Amino acid sequence: MSWAACLSPALLAVLVLAGCGASHPRAVVTAPLGRSFSATPAKRALVTAAPAPTGDPPPERGGTIAPAAAAAQLAVTPSALATSPTLALRRYALAYVNWSASCLPAREHELAAIAVGPARLAAQQTAAAAGGAAALAAHHVANHGSVVAIAPGQGADRGRWVIVTEEQTTGGGPYAGLPPGPHVTLAEVARLRGGWAVSVWQPIS
């Protein structure tokens, strides 16, 4: 079953509207922040199921993590929390889409600081890898964007959100001449003591 089949009509409507502005196909090139620069959803790779490694440490077997590690993924400073889910998503989205190559590591740490759970882990892993930062800096790549829409899921999709952003990527080499276009992200938020934080950030296009 595709991800689109799991969404309510309201969320699908937002996705359809987001696609209406993509009249020119974008070149697909490697990008930071866990997403390719493409105006259409990327095809998902086929994954073959395999048994979990038998050498995992006991606390991690069965899909669980140690209590200390779980608590660390939910620890966030009060100033990093938002007063509503929408504000948490908007702040994260604006930080996610506005960056320059020279500040990417700092931006990833910023995203990790205002997120929890899988969203924080993804930002931390991207910051630690930093594989393409040098190439992006060499081409003076930057991204600028705004939030077009934030829509909550209803019914079976309650707790999920669709965020649509309009973005423009500039730079040299393979990044030169990329047209502006919409991007879609699925997300979730967590309610903590003192406010809200993004817990899942899943770029779709």
Protein backbone atom coordinates (compact mmCIF):
# COMPACT_ATOMS: atom_id res chain seq x y z
CA MET A 1 0.00 0.00 0.00
CA SER A 2 1.38 3.42 -0.94
CA TRP A 3 1.70 6.29 1.53
CA ALA A 4 -0.99 8.19 -0.40
CA ALA A 5 -3.50 5.43 0.24
CA CYS A 6 -3.06 5.92 3.97
CA LEU A 7 -4.08 9.59 3.94
CA SER A 8 -7.50 11.09 4.46
CA PRO A 9 -9.19 13.07 1.62
CA ALA A 10 -8.32 16.34 3.39
CA LEU A 11 -4.62 15.54 3.42
CA LEU A 12 -4.69 14.28 -0.17
CA ALA A 13 -6.29 17.58 -1.23
CA VAL A 14 -3.35 19.48 0.21
CA LEU A 15 -0.94 17.23 -1.67
CA VAL A 16 -2.81 17.72 -4.96
CA LEU A 17 -2.80 21.49 -4.53
CA ALA A 18 0.91 21.40 -3.79
CA GLY A 19 1.56 19.60 -7.06
CA CYS A 20 -0.33 22.15 -9.16
CA GLY A 21 2.53 24.62 -9.04
CA ALA A 22 5.15 22.21 -10.38
CA SER A 23 4.84 22.99 -14.09
CA HIS A 24 8.55 22.49 -14.76
CA PRO A 25 10.28 19.25 -13.72
CA ARG A 26 13.23 19.75 -11.43
CA ALA A 27 16.55 18.01 -11.86
CA VAL A 28 17.09 15.42 -9.14
CA VAL A 29 20.37 16.04 -7.38
CA THR A 30 21.72 15.09 -4.00
CA ALA A 31 20.58 17.44 -1.24
CA PRO A 32 21.14 17.83 2.48
CA LEU A 33 18.50 17.43 5.14
CA GLY A 34 17.40 14.01 3.89
CA ARG A 35 15.69 15.04 0.66
CA SER A 36 16.38 15.29 -3.07
CA PHE A 37 15.55 18.43 -5.04
CA SER A 38 12.62 17.08 -7.02
CA ALA A 39 9.16 18.51 -7.66
CA THR A 40 7.61 15.04 -7.72
CA PRO A 41 7.61 12.35 -5.00
CA ALA A 42 10.66 10.16 -5.23
CA LYS A 43 10.10 6.50 -6.02
CA ARG A 44 10.55 4.26 -3.04
CA ALA A 45 13.20 1.59 -3.28
CA LEU A 46 12.17 -2.01 -2.84
CA VAL A 47 13.30 -3.37 0.50
CA THR A 48 13.76 -7.06 1.19
CA ALA A 49 12.78 -8.13 4.68
CA ALA A 50 15.57 -9.68 6.71
CA PRO A 51 15.79 -10.96 10.28
CA ALA A 52 17.28 -8.65 12.89
CA PRO A 53 20.97 -9.20 13.67
CA THR A 54 21.48 -11.65 16.49
CA GLY A 55 24.32 -9.64 17.95
CA ASP A 56 22.29 -6.65 19.12
CA PRO A 57 22.82 -5.63 22.75
CA PRO A 58 20.07 -7.04 25.01
CA PRO A 59 18.49 -3.61 25.76
CA GLU A 60 17.89 -3.04 22.02
CA ARG A 61 16.36 -6.41 21.13
CA GLY A 62 12.70 -6.49 20.24
CA GLY A 63 12.71 -2.90 18.95
CA THR A 64 13.31 -1.29 22.35
CA ILE A 65 16.03 1.04 23.53
CA ALA A 66 17.51 1.63 26.94
CA PRO A 67 15.43 3.94 29.20
CA ALA A 68 18.27 6.46 29.44
CA ALA A 69 18.55 6.70 25.65
CA ALA A 70 14.78 7.04 25.29
CA ALA A 71 14.70 9.82 27.89
CA ALA A 72 17.53 11.65 26.11
CA GLN A 73 15.55 11.69 22.86
CA LEU A 74 12.66 13.43 24.66
CA ALA A 75 14.77 15.94 26.60
CA VAL A 76 14.38 19.48 25.28
CA THR A 77 14.90 22.92 26.78
CA PRO A 78 11.70 24.89 27.57
CA SER A 79 12.69 27.66 25.16
CA ALA A 80 12.80 25.14 22.31
CA LEU A 81 9.14 24.17 22.77
CA ALA A 82 6.26 25.81 20.90
CA THR A 83 2.89 26.76 22.34
CA SER A 84 0.94 24.81 19.69
CA PRO A 85 1.48 22.01 17.17
CA THR A 86 1.14 24.44 14.25
CA LEU A 87 3.79 26.77 15.63
CA ALA A 88 6.16 23.86 16.26
CA LEU A 89 5.73 22.63 12.68
CA ARG A 90 6.06 26.10 11.15
CA ARG A 91 9.24 26.89 13.08
CA TYR A 92 10.81 23.56 12.16
CA ALA A 93 9.79 23.91 8.50
CA LEU A 94 11.25 27.41 8.18
CA ALA A 95 14.54 26.27 9.70
CA TYR A 96 14.54 23.21 7.46
CA VAL A 97 14.05 25.05 4.17
CA ASN A 98 16.18 28.16 4.77
CA TRP A 99 19.90 27.44 4.78
CA SER A 100 23.21 27.95 3.03
CA ALA A 101 25.87 25.29 2.55
CA SER A 102 28.30 26.98 4.92
CA CYS A 103 25.85 26.80 7.84
CA LEU A 104 24.40 23.30 7.30
CA PRO A 105 26.07 21.60 10.29
CA ALA A 106 24.87 24.37 12.59
CA ARG A 107 21.39 24.19 11.07
CA GLU A 108 21.20 20.42 11.67
CA HIS A 109 22.12 20.95 15.33
CA GLU A 110 19.45 23.66 15.53
CA LEU A 111 16.85 21.25 14.12
CA ALA A 112 17.92 18.55 16.58
CA ALA A 113 17.53 21.01 19.46
CA ILE A 114 13.89 21.79 18.64
CA ALA A 115 12.84 18.21 17.85
CA VAL A 116 12.41 14.95 19.75
CA GLY A 117 12.33 11.25 18.90
CA PRO A 118 12.94 10.16 15.30
CA ALA A 119 13.10 13.75 13.99
CA ARG A 120 15.92 14.58 16.40
CA LEU A 121 17.77 11.36 15.62
CA ALA A 122 17.57 12.02 11.87
CA ALA A 123 18.98 15.54 12.28
CA GLN A 124 21.78 14.27 14.52
CA GLN A 125 22.71 11.54 12.05
CA THR A 126 22.76 13.98 9.14
CA ALA A 127 24.95 16.39 11.11
CA ALA A 128 27.35 13.58 12.01
CA ALA A 129 27.61 12.34 8.42
CA ALA A 130 28.16 15.73 6.73
CA GLY A 131 29.21 13.84 3.59
CA GLY A 132 27.99 16.31 0.98
CA ALA A 133 28.64 19.56 2.82
CA ALA A 134 31.95 20.23 1.07
CA ALA A 135 30.46 19.74 -2.40
CA LEU A 136 27.53 21.99 -1.57
CA ALA A 137 29.87 24.67 -0.24
CA ALA A 138 32.01 24.44 -3.37
CA HIS A 139 28.94 25.24 -5.47
CA HIS A 140 27.71 27.92 -3.03
CA VAL A 141 24.35 26.19 -2.68
CA ALA A 142 21.58 27.81 -0.67
CA ASN A 143 17.88 27.15 -0.21
CA HIS A 144 15.13 29.64 0.56
CA GLY A 145 11.50 28.87 1.20
CA SER A 146 8.23 29.67 2.89
CA VAL A 147 5.39 27.64 4.38
CA VAL A 148 2.37 27.44 2.09
CA ALA A 149 0.08 25.22 4.17
CA ILE A 150 -0.04 23.10 7.31
CA ALA A 151 -2.96 20.67 7.44
CA PRO A 152 -3.89 18.28 10.26
CA GLY A 153 -5.09 14.77 9.60
CA GLN A 154 -8.61 13.68 10.49
CA GLY A 155 -10.05 10.32 11.47
CA ALA A 156 -7.52 7.56 10.87
CA ASP A 157 -4.90 10.23 10.06
CA ARG A 158 -5.41 12.10 13.32
CA GLY A 159 -2.02 12.98 14.75
CA ARG A 160 -0.35 13.30 11.36
CA TRP A 161 0.25 16.56 9.50
CA VAL A 162 1.02 17.61 5.93
CA ILE A 163 3.32 20.59 5.44
CA VAL A 164 3.63 22.22 2.01
CA THR A 165 6.55 24.56 1.36
CA GLU A 166 7.52 26.63 -1.68
CA GLU A 167 11.29 26.59 -2.19
CA GLN A 168 14.03 27.95 -4.42
CA THR A 169 17.49 26.42 -4.54
CA THR A 170 20.39 28.44 -5.90
CA GLY A 171 24.00 27.57 -6.61
CA GLY A 172 26.43 26.56 -9.31
CA GLY A 173 27.22 23.30 -11.08
CA PRO A 174 24.35 20.77 -10.96
CA TYR A 175 22.39 23.16 -8.72
CA ALA A 176 22.32 26.01 -11.24
CA GLY A 177 18.99 26.93 -12.79
CA LEU A 178 16.72 24.82 -10.58
CA PRO A 179 13.22 26.32 -10.78
CA PRO A 180 11.24 27.10 -7.62
CA GLY A 181 8.58 24.62 -6.67
CA PRO A 182 6.48 23.06 -3.91
CA HIS A 183 7.65 20.33 -1.53
CA VAL A 184 5.53 18.12 0.69
CA THR A 185 6.45 16.71 4.10
CA LEU A 186 4.54 14.42 6.45
CA ALA A 187 5.13 15.13 10.13
CA GLU A 188 4.06 14.39 13.67
CA VAL A 189 4.39 16.37 16.89
CA ALA A 190 4.77 15.41 20.53
CA ARG A 191 3.21 17.18 23.49
CA LEU A 192 5.71 17.58 26.30
CA ARG A 193 5.61 19.33 29.62
CA GLY A 194 5.74 23.00 28.65
CA GLY A 195 4.87 22.80 24.97
CA TRP A 196 5.10 21.01 21.62
CA ALA A 197 7.97 19.71 19.50
CA VAL A 198 8.28 17.98 16.13
CA SER A 199 8.77 14.23 16.59
CA VAL A 200 8.62 12.91 13.01
CA TRP A 201 9.73 14.76 9.85
CA GLN A 202 9.31 12.76 6.64
CA PRO A 203 10.01 14.61 3.37
CA ILE A 204 7.91 13.16 0.54
CA SER A 205 9.00 15.41 -2.33
